[in-house]
Amino acid sequence: MVTAFVLIKTDASRIPETAEEISAIPGISEVYSVTGEWDLIAVARVSQHDELADVIADKLSKVPAVVHTTTHIAFRAYSQHDLDAAFSLGFE
């Protein structure tokens, strides 16, 4: 699994609509509206590195209100939450 974080600047008047459109793209698992320099952060999860071009360059960056993107590809995940969920048997 390849995970990438896409920082997105959008037309400020269309942030909610843009987030919804991006979240509907296959390969995008989550979209967050955030404070600071960027308007949205999308999490892309694909099975192969080459698929990122399809998801990010060919689809996400062509959403009409998207003005600029910067992508960061993750090397490893260190979240205890993710590890707990992966090995959980459903018991608390």
C-alpha atoms as a PDB file:
ATOM      1  CA  MET A   1       0.000   0.000   0.000  1.00  0.00           C
ATOM      2  CA  VAL A   2       1.333   3.426  -0.977  1.00  0.00           C
ATOM      3  CA  THR A   3       0.073   6.402   1.028  1.00  0.00           C
ATOM      4  CA  ALA A   4       0.418  10.026  -0.036  1.00  0.00           C
ATOM      5  CA  PHE A   5      -0.689  13.246   1.601  1.00  0.00           C
ATOM      6  CA  VAL A   6      -1.832  15.910  -0.842  1.00  0.00           C
ATOM      7  CA  LEU A   7      -1.887  19.512   0.391  1.00  0.00           C
ATOM      8  CA  ILE A   8      -4.417  21.469  -1.644  1.00  0.00           C
ATOM      9  CA  LYS A   9      -5.141  25.153  -2.257  1.00  0.00           C
ATOM     10  CA  THR A  10      -8.616  25.804  -3.633  1.00  0.00           C
ATOM     11  CA  ASP A  11     -10.952  28.591  -4.585  1.00  0.00           C
ATOM     12  CA  ALA A  12     -11.920  29.668  -1.048  1.00  0.00           C
ATOM     13  CA  SER A  13     -15.591  30.045  -1.940  1.00  0.00           C
ATOM     14  CA  ARG A  14     -15.807  26.367  -2.955  1.00  0.00           C
ATOM     15  CA  ILE A  15     -13.896  24.502  -0.235  1.00  0.00           C
ATOM     16  CA  PRO A  16     -16.777  22.202   0.889  1.00  0.00           C
ATOM     17  CA  GLU A  17     -17.821  21.348  -2.675  1.00  0.00           C
ATOM     18  CA  THR A  18     -14.217  20.755  -3.703  1.00  0.00           C
ATOM     19  CA  ALA A  19     -13.627  18.481  -0.700  1.00  0.00           C
ATOM     20  CA  GLU A  20     -16.704  16.437  -1.611  1.00  0.00           C
ATOM     21  CA  GLU A  21     -15.616  16.113  -5.240  1.00  0.00           C
ATOM     22  CA  ILE A  22     -12.094  15.050  -4.235  1.00  0.00           C
ATOM     23  CA  SER A  23     -13.395  12.528  -1.687  1.00  0.00           C
ATOM     24  CA  ALA A  24     -15.356  10.797  -4.478  1.00  0.00           C
ATOM     25  CA  ILE A  25     -12.166  10.064  -6.469  1.00  0.00           C
ATOM     26  CA  PRO A  26     -11.219   6.366  -6.277  1.00  0.00           C
ATOM     27  CA  GLY A  27      -7.932   6.120  -4.376  1.00  0.00           C
ATOM     28  CA  ILE A  28      -8.683   9.063  -2.081  1.00  0.00           C
ATOM     29  CA  SER A  29      -9.484   7.685   1.362  1.00  0.00           C
ATOM     30  CA  GLU A  30      -9.939  10.914   3.325  1.00  0.00           C
ATOM     31  CA  VAL A  31     -10.163  14.673   2.820  1.00  0.00           C
ATOM     32  CA  TYR A  32      -9.739  17.177   5.645  1.00  0.00           C
ATOM     33  CA  SER A  33     -10.374  20.905   5.708  1.00  0.00           C
ATOM     34  CA  VAL A  34      -7.526  22.481   7.662  1.00  0.00           C
ATOM     35  CA  THR A  35      -6.237  25.779   8.976  1.00  0.00           C
ATOM     36  CA  GLY A  36      -3.066  27.447   7.803  1.00  0.00           C
ATOM     37  CA  GLU A  37      -1.503  27.826   4.397  1.00  0.00           C
ATOM     38  CA  TRP A  38      -3.490  24.993   2.791  1.00  0.00           C
ATOM     39  CA  ASP A  39      -7.267  24.631   2.464  1.00  0.00           C
ATOM     40  CA  LEU A  40      -7.545  20.840   2.271  1.00  0.00           C
ATOM     41  CA  ILE A  41      -5.417  17.775   2.874  1.00  0.00           C
ATOM     42  CA  ALA A  42      -6.309  14.590   1.033  1.00  0.00           C
ATOM     43  CA  VAL A  43      -5.000  11.132   1.855  1.00  0.00           C
ATOM     44  CA  ALA A  44      -4.420   8.935  -1.187  1.00  0.00           C
ATOM     45  CA  ARG A  45      -3.986   5.190  -0.673  1.00  0.00           C
ATOM     46  CA  VAL A  46      -3.210   3.039  -3.690  1.00  0.00           C
ATOM     47  CA  SER A  47      -1.712  -0.403  -4.195  1.00  0.00           C
ATOM     48  CA  GLN A  48       1.105   0.676  -6.529  1.00  0.00           C
ATOM     49  CA  HIS A  49       3.232   3.793  -6.813  1.00  0.00           C
ATOM     50  CA  ASP A  50       2.259   4.354 -10.466  1.00  0.00           C
ATOM     51  CA  GLU A  51      -1.405   4.691  -9.479  1.00  0.00           C
ATOM     52  CA  LEU A  52      -0.626   7.975  -7.720  1.00  0.00           C
ATOM     53  CA  ALA A  53      -0.269   9.645 -11.116  1.00  0.00           C
ATOM     54  CA  ASP A  54      -3.783   8.529 -12.058  1.00  0.00           C
ATOM     55  CA  VAL A  55      -5.311   9.650  -8.775  1.00  0.00           C
ATOM     56  CA  ILE A  56      -3.423  12.893  -8.151  1.00  0.00           C
ATOM     57  CA  ALA A  57      -2.204  14.252 -11.499  1.00  0.00           C
ATOM     58  CA  ASP A  58      -4.990  12.963 -13.724  1.00  0.00           C
ATOM     59  CA  LYS A  59      -7.994  13.399 -11.422  1.00  0.00           C
ATOM     60  CA  LEU A  60      -7.467  15.412  -8.223  1.00  0.00           C
ATOM     61  CA  SER A  61      -5.444  18.227  -9.765  1.00  0.00           C
ATOM     62  CA  LYS A  62      -8.061  18.620 -12.507  1.00  0.00           C
ATOM     63  CA  VAL A  63     -10.951  19.293 -10.119  1.00  0.00           C
ATOM     64  CA  PRO A  64     -12.035  22.791 -11.263  1.00  0.00           C
ATOM     65  CA  ALA A  65     -11.570  24.676  -7.952  1.00  0.00           C
ATOM     66  CA  VAL A  66      -8.138  23.150  -7.206  1.00  0.00           C
ATOM     67  CA  VAL A  67      -5.525  25.900  -7.613  1.00  0.00           C
ATOM     68  CA  HIS A  68      -2.319  24.210  -6.406  1.00  0.00           C
ATOM     69  CA  THR A  69      -1.195  20.919  -4.858  1.00  0.00           C
ATOM     70  CA  THR A  70       1.891  19.571  -3.134  1.00  0.00           C
ATOM     71  CA  THR A  71       2.236  15.845  -2.551  1.00  0.00           C
ATOM     72  CA  HIS A  72       4.173  14.037   0.175  1.00  0.00           C
ATOM     73  CA  ILE A  73       4.618  10.268  -0.148  1.00  0.00           C
ATOM     74  CA  ALA A  74       4.767   8.376   3.143  1.00  0.00           C
ATOM     75  CA  PHE A  75       7.584   5.898   3.813  1.00  0.00           C
ATOM     76  CA  ARG A  76       6.304   4.307   7.037  1.00  0.00           C
ATOM     77  CA  ALA A  77       3.389   4.604   9.426  1.00  0.00           C
ATOM     78  CA  TYR A  78       4.151   4.722  13.141  1.00  0.00           C
ATOM     79  CA  SER A  79       0.654   5.222  14.508  1.00  0.00           C
ATOM     80  CA  GLN A  80      -0.191   2.969  17.446  1.00  0.00           C
ATOM     81  CA  HIS A  81      -3.867   3.430  16.524  1.00  0.00           C
ATOM     82  CA  ASP A  82      -3.263   1.791  13.125  1.00  0.00           C
ATOM     83  CA  LEU A  83      -1.331  -1.086  14.677  1.00  0.00           C
ATOM     84  CA  ASP A  84      -4.031  -1.686  17.284  1.00  0.00           C
ATOM     85  CA  ALA A  85      -6.765  -1.721  14.615  1.00  0.00           C
ATOM     86  CA  ALA A  86      -4.824  -4.119  12.402  1.00  0.00           C
ATOM     87  CA  PHE A  87      -4.392  -6.697  15.187  1.00  0.00           C
ATOM     88  CA  SER A  88      -7.645  -6.118  17.058  1.00  0.00           C
ATOM     89  CA  LEU A  89     -10.011  -9.017  17.578  1.00  0.00           C
ATOM     90  CA  GLY A  90     -12.879  -6.669  18.299  1.00  0.00           C
ATOM     91  CA  PHE A  91     -12.589  -6.881  22.074  1.00  0.00           C
ATOM     92  CA  GLU A  92     -12.090  -3.860  24.287  1.00  0.00           C
END
